[in-house]
Amino acid sequence: MDKTQLTRLFQVAAAILVVALAVGLYKAKTDAAHTETRVRALQTQVTDAQAKMRALRADIARAESPANIEKMAEEHLGLVVGDQSAALPETAIDGQLPLPAGTK
């Protein structure tokens, strides 16, 4: 091989290397863009899930509030806070309690 053929071979190899690097760079940039889009979509899902969780926690707090429990007890059970009709007389309390262990 003479010098001109060797130079031509190196030029072809360099051109192939440049093309390969350009294709690799394009693929890397495209993959990064797809990944960034996916990350944004996941961040949106996380934000939506957190908003739903806050709304559910607010619903739970409302449902567990003493005012709501009193309202439901009155509507569904007919019980009123401070109503003496639901209280047992002192003599009936012993009949409602379980016996201590070891006594018959």
PDB file of N, CA and C in Angstrom:
ATOM      1  N   MET A   1       0.831  -1.181   0.000  1.00  0.00           N
ATOM      2  CA  MET A   1       0.000   0.000   0.000  1.00  0.00           C
ATOM      3  C   MET A   1       0.876   1.245   0.000  1.00  0.00           C
ATOM      4  N   ASP A   2       0.535   2.097  -0.887  1.00  0.00           N
ATOM      5  CA  ASP A   2       1.300   3.338  -0.898  1.00  0.00           C
ATOM      6  C   ASP A   2       0.634   4.356   0.024  1.00  0.00           C
ATOM      7  N   LYS A   3       1.268   5.480   0.147  1.00  0.00           N
ATOM      8  CA  LYS A   3       0.841   6.507   1.109  1.00  0.00           C
ATOM      9  C   LYS A   3      -0.538   7.073   0.769  1.00  0.00           C
ATOM     10  N   THR A   4      -0.854   7.251  -0.500  1.00  0.00           N
ATOM     11  CA  THR A   4      -2.156   7.813  -0.880  1.00  0.00           C
ATOM     12  C   THR A   4      -3.293   6.845  -0.570  1.00  0.00           C
ATOM     13  N   GLN A   5      -3.070   5.560  -0.764  1.00  0.00           N
ATOM     14  CA  GLN A   5      -4.102   4.577  -0.429  1.00  0.00           C
ATOM     15  C   GLN A   5      -4.328   4.512   1.083  1.00  0.00           C
ATOM     16  N   LEU A   6      -3.268   4.579   1.837  1.00  0.00           N
ATOM     17  CA  LEU A   6      -3.364   4.557   3.297  1.00  0.00           C
ATOM     18  C   LEU A   6      -4.094   5.799   3.810  1.00  0.00           C
ATOM     19  N   THR A   7      -3.798   6.949   3.220  1.00  0.00           N
ATOM     20  CA  THR A   7      -4.480   8.190   3.594  1.00  0.00           C
ATOM     21  C   THR A   7      -5.961   8.088   3.256  1.00  0.00           C
ATOM     22  N   ARG A   8      -6.272   7.557   2.080  1.00  0.00           N
ATOM     23  CA  ARG A   8      -7.660   7.400   1.661  1.00  0.00           C
ATOM     24  C   ARG A   8      -8.398   6.446   2.619  1.00  0.00           C
ATOM     25  N   LEU A   9      -7.754   5.369   3.035  1.00  0.00           N
ATOM     26  CA  LEU A   9      -8.363   4.408   3.975  1.00  0.00           C
ATOM     27  C   LEU A   9      -8.661   5.082   5.310  1.00  0.00           C
ATOM     28  N   PHE A  10      -7.736   5.870   5.809  1.00  0.00           N
ATOM     29  CA  PHE A  10      -7.968   6.594   7.062  1.00  0.00           C
ATOM     30  C   PHE A  10      -9.089   7.618   6.919  1.00  0.00           C
ATOM     31  N   GLN A  11      -9.177   8.274   5.780  1.00  0.00           N
ATOM     32  CA  GLN A  11     -10.250   9.247   5.547  1.00  0.00           C
ATOM     33  C   GLN A  11     -11.616   8.559   5.524  1.00  0.00           C
ATOM     34  N   VAL A  12     -11.692   7.413   4.895  1.00  0.00           N
ATOM     35  CA  VAL A  12     -12.956   6.658   4.855  1.00  0.00           C
ATOM     36  C   VAL A  12     -13.330   6.199   6.264  1.00  0.00           C
ATOM     37  N   ALA A  13     -12.345   5.683   6.996  1.00  0.00           N
ATOM     38  CA  ALA A  13     -12.606   5.237   8.374  1.00  0.00           C
ATOM     39  C   ALA A  13     -13.051   6.409   9.249  1.00  0.00           C
ATOM     40  N   ALA A  14     -12.425   7.562   9.068  1.00  0.00           N
ATOM     41  CA  ALA A  14     -12.801   8.753   9.841  1.00  0.00           C
ATOM     42  C   ALA A  14     -14.212   9.202   9.482  1.00  0.00           C
ATOM     43  N   ALA A  15     -14.548   9.137   8.190  1.00  0.00           N
ATOM     44  CA  ALA A  15     -15.899   9.524   7.759  1.00  0.00           C
ATOM     45  C   ALA A  15     -16.936   8.581   8.355  1.00  0.00           C
ATOM     46  N   ILE A  16     -16.649   7.287   8.346  1.00  0.00           N
ATOM     47  CA  ILE A  16     -17.574   6.311   8.948  1.00  0.00           C
ATOM     48  C   ILE A  16     -17.721   6.566  10.442  1.00  0.00           C
ATOM     49  N   LEU A  17     -16.616   6.869  11.110  1.00  0.00           N
ATOM     50  CA  LEU A  17     -16.653   7.164  12.542  1.00  0.00           C
ATOM     51  C   LEU A  17     -17.479   8.414  12.832  1.00  0.00           C
ATOM     52  N   VAL A  18     -17.334   9.453  12.026  1.00  0.00           N
ATOM     53  CA  VAL A  18     -18.106  10.688  12.196  1.00  0.00           C
ATOM     54  C   VAL A  18     -19.597  10.414  12.018  1.00  0.00           C
ATOM     55  N   VAL A  19     -19.945   9.635  10.997  1.00  0.00           N
ATOM     56  CA  VAL A  19     -21.354   9.298  10.751  1.00  0.00           C
ATOM     57  C   VAL A  19     -21.904   8.488  11.928  1.00  0.00           C
ATOM     58  N   ALA A  20     -21.132   7.522  12.406  1.00  0.00           N
ATOM     59  CA  ALA A  20     -21.576   6.695  13.534  1.00  0.00           C
ATOM     60  C   ALA A  20     -21.784   7.552  14.786  1.00  0.00           C
ATOM     61  N   LEU A  21     -20.877   8.474  15.032  1.00  0.00           N
ATOM     62  CA  LEU A  21     -21.010   9.359  16.187  1.00  0.00           C
ATOM     63  C   LEU A  21     -22.218  10.284  16.044  1.00  0.00           C
ATOM     64  N   ALA A  22     -22.461  10.770  14.850  1.00  0.00           N
ATOM     65  CA  ALA A  22     -23.616  11.646  14.611  1.00  0.00           C
ATOM     66  C   ALA A  22     -24.914  10.882  14.836  1.00  0.00           C
ATOM     67  N   VAL A  23     -24.991   9.658  14.342  1.00  0.00           N
ATOM     68  CA  VAL A  23     -26.180   8.828  14.550  1.00  0.00           C
ATOM     69  C   VAL A  23     -26.359   8.530  16.038  1.00  0.00           C
ATOM     70  N   GLY A  24     -25.283   8.216  16.716  1.00  0.00           N
ATOM     71  CA  GLY A  24     -25.345   7.952  18.162  1.00  0.00           C
ATOM     72  C   GLY A  24     -25.813   9.173  18.941  1.00  0.00           C
ATOM     73  N   LEU A  25     -25.309  10.344  18.573  1.00  0.00           N
ATOM     74  CA  LEU A  25     -25.715  11.576  19.251  1.00  0.00           C
ATOM     75  C   LEU A  25     -27.199  11.855  19.019  1.00  0.00           C
ATOM     76  N   TYR A  26     -27.661  11.667  17.779  1.00  0.00           N
ATOM     77  CA  TYR A  26     -29.072  11.877  17.459  1.00  0.00           C
ATOM     78  C   TYR A  26     -29.946  10.926  18.280  1.00  0.00           C
ATOM     79  N   LYS A  27     -29.550   9.659  18.373  1.00  0.00           N
ATOM     80  CA  LYS A  27     -30.312   8.675  19.142  1.00  0.00           C
ATOM     81  C   LYS A  27     -30.327   9.039  20.619  1.00  0.00           C
ATOM     82  N   ALA A  28     -29.210   9.459  21.155  1.00  0.00           N
ATOM     83  CA  ALA A  28     -29.139   9.836  22.562  1.00  0.00           C
ATOM     84  C   ALA A  28     -30.043  11.035  22.856  1.00  0.00           C
ATOM     85  N   LYS A  29     -30.039  12.038  21.970  1.00  0.00           N
ATOM     86  CA  LYS A  29     -30.887  13.216  22.167  1.00  0.00           C
ATOM     87  C   LYS A  29     -32.364  12.841  22.062  1.00  0.00           C
ATOM     88  N   THR A  30     -32.699  11.953  21.119  1.00  0.00           N
ATOM     89  CA  THR A  30     -34.083  11.511  20.964  1.00  0.00           C
ATOM     90  C   THR A  30     -34.542  10.732  22.206  1.00  0.00           C
ATOM     91  N   ASP A  31     -33.703   9.841  22.697  1.00  0.00           N
ATOM     92  CA  ASP A  31     -34.032   9.081  23.910  1.00  0.00           C
ATOM     93  C   ASP A  31     -34.197  10.008  25.109  1.00  0.00           C
ATOM     94  N   ALA A  32     -33.354  11.005  25.213  1.00  0.00           N
ATOM     95  CA  ALA A  32     -33.454  11.964  26.323  1.00  0.00           C
ATOM     96  C   ALA A  32     -34.763  12.742  26.246  1.00  0.00           C
ATOM     97  N   ALA A  33     -35.177  13.107  25.052  1.00  0.00           N
ATOM     98  CA  ALA A  33     -36.439  13.836  24.889  1.00  0.00           C
ATOM     99  C   ALA A  33     -37.619  12.956  25.271  1.00  0.00           C
ATOM    100  N   HIS A  34     -37.588  11.680  24.873  1.00  0.00           N
ATOM    101  CA  HIS A  34     -38.662  10.756  25.249  1.00  0.00           C
ATOM    102  C   HIS A  34     -38.700  10.544  26.762  1.00  0.00           C
ATOM    103  N   THR A  35     -37.527  10.421  27.351  1.00  0.00           N
ATOM    104  CA  THR A  35     -37.449  10.237  28.796  1.00  0.00           C
ATOM    105  C   THR A  35     -37.980  11.464  29.530  1.00  0.00           C
ATOM    106  N   GLU A  36     -37.645  12.633  29.051  1.00  0.00           N
ATOM    107  CA  GLU A  36     -38.129  13.869  29.673  1.00  0.00           C
ATOM    108  C   GLU A  36     -39.655  13.957  29.580  1.00  0.00           C
ATOM    109  N   THR A  37     -40.212  13.568  28.438  1.00  0.00           N
ATOM    110  CA  THR A  37     -41.664  13.560  28.280  1.00  0.00           C
ATOM    111  C   THR A  37     -42.304  12.584  29.260  1.00  0.00           C
ATOM    112  N   ARG A  38     -41.713  11.434  29.409  1.00  0.00           N
ATOM    113  CA  ARG A  38     -42.232  10.415  30.344  1.00  0.00           C
ATOM    114  C   ARG A  38     -42.156  10.924  31.787  1.00  0.00           C
ATOM    115  N   VAL A  39     -41.060  11.577  32.147  1.00  0.00           N
ATOM    116  CA  VAL A  39     -40.906  12.120  33.498  1.00  0.00           C
ATOM    117  C   VAL A  39     -41.976  13.176  33.764  1.00  0.00           C
ATOM    118  N   ARG A  40     -42.233  14.026  32.805  1.00  0.00           N
ATOM    119  CA  ARG A  40     -43.281  15.046  32.979  1.00  0.00           C
ATOM    120  C   ARG A  40     -44.643  14.402  33.163  1.00  0.00           C
ATOM    121  N   ALA A  41     -44.940  13.351  32.399  1.00  0.00           N
ATOM    122  CA  ALA A  41     -46.223  12.647  32.532  1.00  0.00           C
ATOM    123  C   ALA A  41     -46.337  12.011  33.922  1.00  0.00           C
ATOM    124  N   LEU A  42     -45.244  11.413  34.388  1.00  0.00           N
ATOM    125  CA  LEU A  42     -45.264  10.810  35.729  1.00  0.00           C
ATOM    126  C   LEU A  42     -45.424  11.869  36.813  1.00  0.00           C
ATOM    127  N   GLN A  43     -44.789  13.020  36.637  1.00  0.00           N
ATOM    128  CA  GLN A  43     -44.943  14.101  37.616  1.00  0.00           C
ATOM    129  C   GLN A  43     -46.387  14.584  37.657  1.00  0.00           C
ATOM    130  N   THR A  44     -47.039  14.643  36.510  1.00  0.00           N
ATOM    131  CA  THR A  44     -48.443  15.029  36.462  1.00  0.00           C
ATOM    132  C   THR A  44     -49.298  13.995  37.186  1.00  0.00           C
ATOM    133  N   GLN A  45     -49.008  12.709  36.976  1.00  0.00           N
ATOM    134  CA  GLN A  45     -49.752  11.656  37.666  1.00  0.00           C
ATOM    135  C   GLN A  45     -49.559  11.746  39.174  1.00  0.00           C
ATOM    136  N   VAL A  46     -48.338  12.015  39.610  1.00  0.00           N
ATOM    137  CA  VAL A  46     -48.060  12.141  41.040  1.00  0.00           C
ATOM    138  C   VAL A  46     -48.828  13.327  41.623  1.00  0.00           C
ATOM    139  N   THR A  47     -48.822  14.440  40.920  1.00  0.00           N
ATOM    140  CA  THR A  47     -49.543  15.628  41.383  1.00  0.00           C
ATOM    141  C   THR A  47     -51.041  15.348  41.482  1.00  0.00           C
ATOM    142  N   ASP A  48     -51.595  14.660  40.482  1.00  0.00           N
ATOM    143  CA  ASP A  48     -53.016  14.311  40.508  1.00  0.00           C
ATOM    144  C   ASP A  48     -53.333  13.366  41.662  1.00  0.00           C
ATOM    145  N   ALA A  49     -52.474  12.380  41.864  1.00  0.00           N
ATOM    146  CA  ALA A  49     -52.693  11.424  42.962  1.00  0.00           C
ATOM    147  C   ALA A  49     -52.620  12.129  44.315  1.00  0.00           C
ATOM    148  N   GLN A  50     -51.702  13.068  44.459  1.00  0.00           N
ATOM    149  CA  GLN A  50     -51.602  13.806  45.717  1.00  0.00           C
ATOM    150  C   GLN A  50     -52.839  14.664  45.946  1.00  0.00           C
ATOM    151  N   ALA A  51     -53.371  15.257  44.892  1.00  0.00           N
ATOM    152  CA  ALA A  51     -54.592  16.061  45.024  1.00  0.00           C
ATOM    153  C   ALA A  51     -55.769  15.173  45.427  1.00  0.00           C
ATOM    154  N   LYS A  52     -55.874  13.999  44.808  1.00  0.00           N
ATOM    155  CA  LYS A  52     -56.943  13.063  45.179  1.00  0.00           C
ATOM    156  C   LYS A  52     -56.789  12.614  46.626  1.00  0.00           C
ATOM    157  N   MET A  53     -55.550  12.372  47.043  1.00  0.00           N
ATOM    158  CA  MET A  53     -55.303  11.942  48.413  1.00  0.00           C
ATOM    159  C   MET A  53     -55.698  13.037  49.404  1.00  0.00           C
ATOM    160  N   ARG A  54     -55.394  14.289  49.078  1.00  0.00           N
ATOM    161  CA  ARG A  54     -55.800  15.396  49.956  1.00  0.00           C
ATOM    162  C   ARG A  54     -57.315  15.492  50.042  1.00  0.00           C
ATOM    163  N   ALA A  55     -57.988  15.292  48.902  1.00  0.00           N
ATOM    164  CA  ALA A  55     -59.454  15.341  48.898  1.00  0.00           C
ATOM    165  C   ALA A  55     -60.035  14.194  49.725  1.00  0.00           C
ATOM    166  N   LEU A  56     -59.454  13.005  49.601  1.00  0.00           N
ATOM    167  CA  LEU A  56     -59.934  11.868  50.392  1.00  0.00           C
ATOM    168  C   LEU A  56     -59.691  12.086  51.886  1.00  0.00           C
ATOM    169  N   ARG A  57     -58.546  12.652  52.223  1.00  0.00           N
ATOM    170  CA  ARG A  57     -58.276  12.943  53.641  1.00  0.00           C
ATOM    171  C   ARG A  57     -59.259  13.967  54.185  1.00  0.00           C
ATOM    172  N   ALA A  58     -59.619  14.947  53.358  1.00  0.00           N
ATOM    173  CA  ALA A  58     -60.610  15.933  53.790  1.00  0.00           C
ATOM    174  C   ALA A  58     -61.974  15.268  53.983  1.00  0.00           C
ATOM    175  N   ASP A  59     -62.335  14.335  53.086  1.00  0.00           N
ATOM    176  CA  ASP A  59     -63.590  13.603  53.243  1.00  0.00           C
ATOM    177  C   ASP A  59     -63.583  12.765  54.517  1.00  0.00           C
ATOM    178  N   ILE A  60     -62.464  12.128  54.807  1.00  0.00           N
ATOM    179  CA  ILE A  60     -62.358  11.321  56.023  1.00  0.00           C
ATOM    180  C   ILE A  60     -62.488  12.215  57.251  1.00  0.00           C
ATOM    181  N   ALA A  61     -61.814  13.352  57.240  1.00  0.00           N
ATOM    182  CA  ALA A  61     -61.899  14.273  58.383  1.00  0.00           C
ATOM    183  C   ALA A  61     -63.329  14.758  58.580  1.00  0.00           C
ATOM    184  N   ARG A  62     -64.016  15.039  57.478  1.00  0.00           N
ATOM    185  CA  ARG A  62     -65.407  15.484  57.586  1.00  0.00           C
ATOM    186  C   ARG A  62     -66.279  14.352  58.135  1.00  0.00           C
ATOM    187  N   ALA A  63     -66.070  13.126  57.621  1.00  0.00           N
ATOM    188  CA  ALA A  63     -66.883  11.991  58.066  1.00  0.00           C
ATOM    189  C   ALA A  63     -66.626  11.640  59.529  1.00  0.00           C
ATOM    190  N   GLU A  64     -65.394  11.852  60.003  1.00  0.00           N
ATOM    191  CA  GLU A  64     -65.044  11.517  61.379  1.00  0.00           C
ATOM    192  C   GLU A  64     -65.296  12.660  62.353  1.00  0.00           C
ATOM    193  N   SER A  65     -65.761  13.791  61.858  1.00  0.00           N
ATOM    194  CA  SER A  65     -65.970  14.931  62.752  1.00  0.00           C
ATOM    195  C   SER A  65     -67.092  14.617  63.745  1.00  0.00           C
ATOM    196  N   PRO A  66     -66.962  15.082  64.978  1.00  0.00           N
ATOM    197  CA  PRO A  66     -67.989  14.819  65.986  1.00  0.00           C
ATOM    198  C   PRO A  66     -69.369  15.303  65.555  1.00  0.00           C
ATOM    199  N   ALA A  67     -69.446  16.424  64.885  1.00  0.00           N
ATOM    200  CA  ALA A  67     -70.745  16.942  64.449  1.00  0.00           C
ATOM    201  C   ALA A  67     -71.404  15.981  63.461  1.00  0.00           C
ATOM    202  N   ASN A  68     -70.627  15.436  62.542  1.00  0.00           N
ATOM    203  CA  ASN A  68     -71.177  14.492  61.562  1.00  0.00           C
ATOM    204  C   ASN A  68     -71.594  13.191  62.233  1.00  0.00           C
ATOM    205  N   ILE A  69     -70.802  12.714  63.175  1.00  0.00           N
ATOM    206  CA  ILE A  69     -71.144  11.475  63.880  1.00  0.00           C
ATOM    207  C   ILE A  69     -72.424  11.669  64.689  1.00  0.00           C
ATOM    208  N   GLU A  70     -72.549  12.801  65.345  1.00  0.00           N
ATOM    209  CA  GLU A  70     -73.775  13.079  66.101  1.00  0.00           C
ATOM    210  C   GLU A  70     -74.979  13.127  65.164  1.00  0.00           C
ATOM    211  N   LYS A  71     -74.817  13.776  64.009  1.00  0.00           N
ATOM    212  CA  LYS A  71     -75.907  13.888  63.045  1.00  0.00           C
ATOM    213  C   LYS A  71     -76.323  12.503  62.547  1.00  0.00           C
ATOM    214  N   MET A  72     -75.359  11.664  62.212  1.00  0.00           N
ATOM    215  CA  MET A  72     -75.667  10.316  61.732  1.00  0.00           C
ATOM    216  C   MET A  72     -76.296   9.459  62.830  1.00  0.00           C
ATOM    217  N   ALA A  73     -75.828   9.598  64.071  1.00  0.00           N
ATOM    218  CA  ALA A  73     -76.407   8.837  65.185  1.00  0.00           C
ATOM    219  C   ALA A  73     -77.861   9.224  65.384  1.00  0.00           C
ATOM    220  N   GLU A  74     -78.148  10.501  65.235  1.00  0.00           N
ATOM    221  CA  GLU A  74     -79.527  10.959  65.392  1.00  0.00           C
ATOM    222  C   GLU A  74     -80.397  10.470  64.233  1.00  0.00           C
ATOM    223  N   GLU A  75     -79.893  10.575  62.999  1.00  0.00           N
ATOM    224  CA  GLU A  75     -80.679  10.183  61.821  1.00  0.00           C
ATOM    225  C   GLU A  75     -80.897   8.681  61.736  1.00  0.00           C
ATOM    226  N   HIS A  76     -79.855   7.894  61.969  1.00  0.00           N
ATOM    227  CA  HIS A  76     -79.930   6.456  61.735  1.00  0.00           C
ATOM    228  C   HIS A  76     -80.282   5.651  62.984  1.00  0.00           C
ATOM    229  N   LEU A  77     -79.892   6.138  64.152  1.00  0.00           N
ATOM    230  CA  LEU A  77     -80.112   5.371  65.383  1.00  0.00           C
ATOM    231  C   LEU A  77     -81.125   6.014  66.320  1.00  0.00           C
ATOM    232  N   GLY A  78     -81.467   7.235  66.027  1.00  0.00           N
ATOM    233  CA  GLY A  78     -82.407   7.942  66.893  1.00  0.00           C
ATOM    234  C   GLY A  78     -81.792   8.382  68.214  1.00  0.00           C
ATOM    235  N   LEU A  79     -80.473   8.435  68.269  1.00  0.00           N
ATOM    236  CA  LEU A  79     -79.785   8.837  69.494  1.00  0.00           C
ATOM    237  C   LEU A  79     -79.471  10.324  69.450  1.00  0.00           C
ATOM    238  N   VAL A  80     -79.603  10.978  70.587  1.00  0.00           N
ATOM    239  CA  VAL A  80     -79.303  12.397  70.694  1.00  0.00           C
ATOM    240  C   VAL A  80     -78.269  12.559  71.789  1.00  0.00           C
ATOM    241  N   VAL A  81     -77.278  13.390  71.544  1.00  0.00           N
ATOM    242  CA  VAL A  81     -76.238  13.639  72.538  1.00  0.00           C
ATOM    243  C   VAL A  81     -76.870  14.228  73.784  1.00  0.00           C
ATOM    244  N   GLY A  82     -76.554  13.642  74.915  1.00  0.00           N
ATOM    245  CA  GLY A  82     -77.084  14.134  76.184  1.00  0.00           C
ATOM    246  C   GLY A  82     -78.480  13.615  76.484  1.00  0.00           C
ATOM    247  N   ASP A  83     -79.031  12.756  75.638  1.00  0.00           N
ATOM    248  CA  ASP A  83     -80.362  12.204  75.840  1.00  0.00           C
ATOM    249  C   ASP A  83     -80.283  11.126  76.923  1.00  0.00           C
ATOM    250  N   GLN A  84     -81.099  11.240  77.930  1.00  0.00           N
ATOM    251  CA  GLN A  84     -81.072  10.302  79.049  1.00  0.00           C
ATOM    252  C   GLN A  84     -81.757   8.983  78.717  1.00  0.00           C
ATOM    253  N   SER A  85     -82.517   8.925  77.642  1.00  0.00           N
ATOM    254  CA  SER A  85     -83.216   7.687  77.298  1.00  0.00           C
ATOM    255  C   SER A  85     -82.244   6.581  76.890  1.00  0.00           C
ATOM    256  N   ALA A  86     -81.056   6.922  76.429  1.00  0.00           N
ATOM    257  CA  ALA A  86     -80.073   5.928  76.024  1.00  0.00           C
ATOM    258  C   ALA A  86     -79.246   5.451  77.209  1.00  0.00           C
ATOM    259  N   ALA A  87     -79.293   6.145  78.336  1.00  0.00           N
ATOM    260  CA  ALA A  87     -78.496   5.777  79.497  1.00  0.00           C
ATOM    261  C   ALA A  87     -79.176   4.632  80.242  1.00  0.00           C
ATOM    262  N   LEU A  88     -78.362   3.709  80.732  1.00  0.00           N
ATOM    263  CA  LEU A  88     -78.883   2.595  81.525  1.00  0.00           C
ATOM    264  C   LEU A  88     -79.009   3.015  82.986  1.00  0.00           C
ATOM    265  N   PRO A  89     -80.019   2.516  83.685  1.00  0.00           N
ATOM    266  CA  PRO A  89     -80.062   2.775  85.124  1.00  0.00           C
ATOM    267  C   PRO A  89     -78.895   2.061  85.802  1.00  0.00           C
ATOM    268  N   GLU A  90     -78.503   2.559  86.927  1.00  0.00           N
ATOM    269  CA  GLU A  90     -77.340   2.001  87.625  1.00  0.00           C
ATOM    270  C   GLU A  90     -77.513   0.528  87.934  1.00  0.00           C
ATOM    271  N   THR A  91     -78.693   0.099  88.230  1.00  0.00           N
ATOM    272  CA  THR A  91     -78.926  -1.314  88.559  1.00  0.00           C
ATOM    273  C   THR A  91     -78.783  -2.222  87.342  1.00  0.00           C
ATOM    274  N   ALA A  92     -78.976  -1.709  86.151  1.00  0.00           N
ATOM    275  CA  ALA A  92     -78.880  -2.525  84.943  1.00  0.00           C
ATOM    276  C   ALA A  92     -77.449  -2.619  84.415  1.00  0.00           C
ATOM    277  N   ILE A  93     -76.567  -1.790  84.924  1.00  0.00           N
ATOM    278  CA  ILE A  93     -75.180  -1.795  84.427  1.00  0.00           C
ATOM    279  C   ILE A  93     -74.504  -3.115  84.736  1.00  0.00           C
ATOM    280  N   ASP A  94     -74.710  -3.659  85.949  1.00  0.00           N
ATOM    281  CA  ASP A  94     -74.067  -4.925  86.318  1.00  0.00           C
ATOM    282  C   ASP A  94     -74.475  -6.053  85.380  1.00  0.00           C
ATOM    283  N   GLY A  95     -75.698  -6.061  84.909  1.00  0.00           N
ATOM    284  CA  GLY A  95     -76.162  -7.082  83.989  1.00  0.00           C
ATOM    285  C   GLY A  95     -75.553  -6.952  82.607  1.00  0.00           C
ATOM    286  N   GLN A  96     -75.070  -5.791  82.252  1.00  0.00           N
ATOM    287  CA  GLN A  96     -74.482  -5.557  80.917  1.00  0.00           C
ATOM    288  C   GLN A  96     -72.995  -5.843  80.868  1.00  0.00           C
ATOM    289  N   LEU A  97     -72.329  -5.800  82.022  1.00  0.00           N
ATOM    290  CA  LEU A  97     -70.872  -6.012  82.059  1.00  0.00           C
ATOM    291  C   LEU A  97     -70.553  -7.496  82.102  1.00  0.00           C
ATOM    292  N   PRO A  98     -69.474  -7.940  81.479  1.00  0.00           N
ATOM    293  CA  PRO A  98     -69.092  -9.358  81.595  1.00  0.00           C
ATOM    294  C   PRO A  98     -68.541  -9.640  82.995  1.00  0.00           C
ATOM    295  N   LEU A  99     -68.679 -10.873  83.397  1.00  0.00           N
ATOM    296  CA  LEU A  99     -68.158 -11.269  84.712  1.00  0.00           C
ATOM    297  C   LEU A  99     -66.646 -11.308  84.680  1.00  0.00           C
ATOM    298  N   PRO A 100     -65.999 -10.997  85.786  1.00  0.00           N
ATOM    299  CA  PRO A 100     -64.534 -11.102  85.842  1.00  0.00           C
ATOM    300  C   PRO A 100     -64.092 -12.541  85.630  1.00  0.00           C
ATOM    301  N   ALA A 101     -62.921 -12.708  85.114  1.00  0.00           N
ATOM    302  CA  ALA A 101     -62.383 -14.055  84.864  1.00  0.00           C
ATOM    303  C   ALA A 101     -62.246 -14.810  86.174  1.00  0.00           C
ATOM    304  N   GLY A 102     -62.654 -16.068  86.193  1.00  0.00           N
ATOM    305  CA  GLY A 102     -62.528 -16.920  87.369  1.00  0.00           C
ATOM    306  C   GLY A 102     -63.756 -16.913  88.260  1.00  0.00           C
ATOM    307  N   THR A 103     -64.778 -16.113  87.950  1.00  0.00           N
ATOM    308  CA  THR A 103     -66.009 -16.108  88.759  1.00  0.00           C
ATOM    309  C   THR A 103     -67.143 -16.665  87.928  1.00  0.00           C
ATOM    310  N   LYS A 104     -68.086 -17.299  88.625  1.00  0.00           N
ATOM    311  CA  LYS A 104     -69.222 -17.875  87.919  1.00  0.00           C
ATOM    312  C   LYS A 104     -70.519 -17.429  88.520  1.00  0.00           C
TER     313      LYS A 104
END
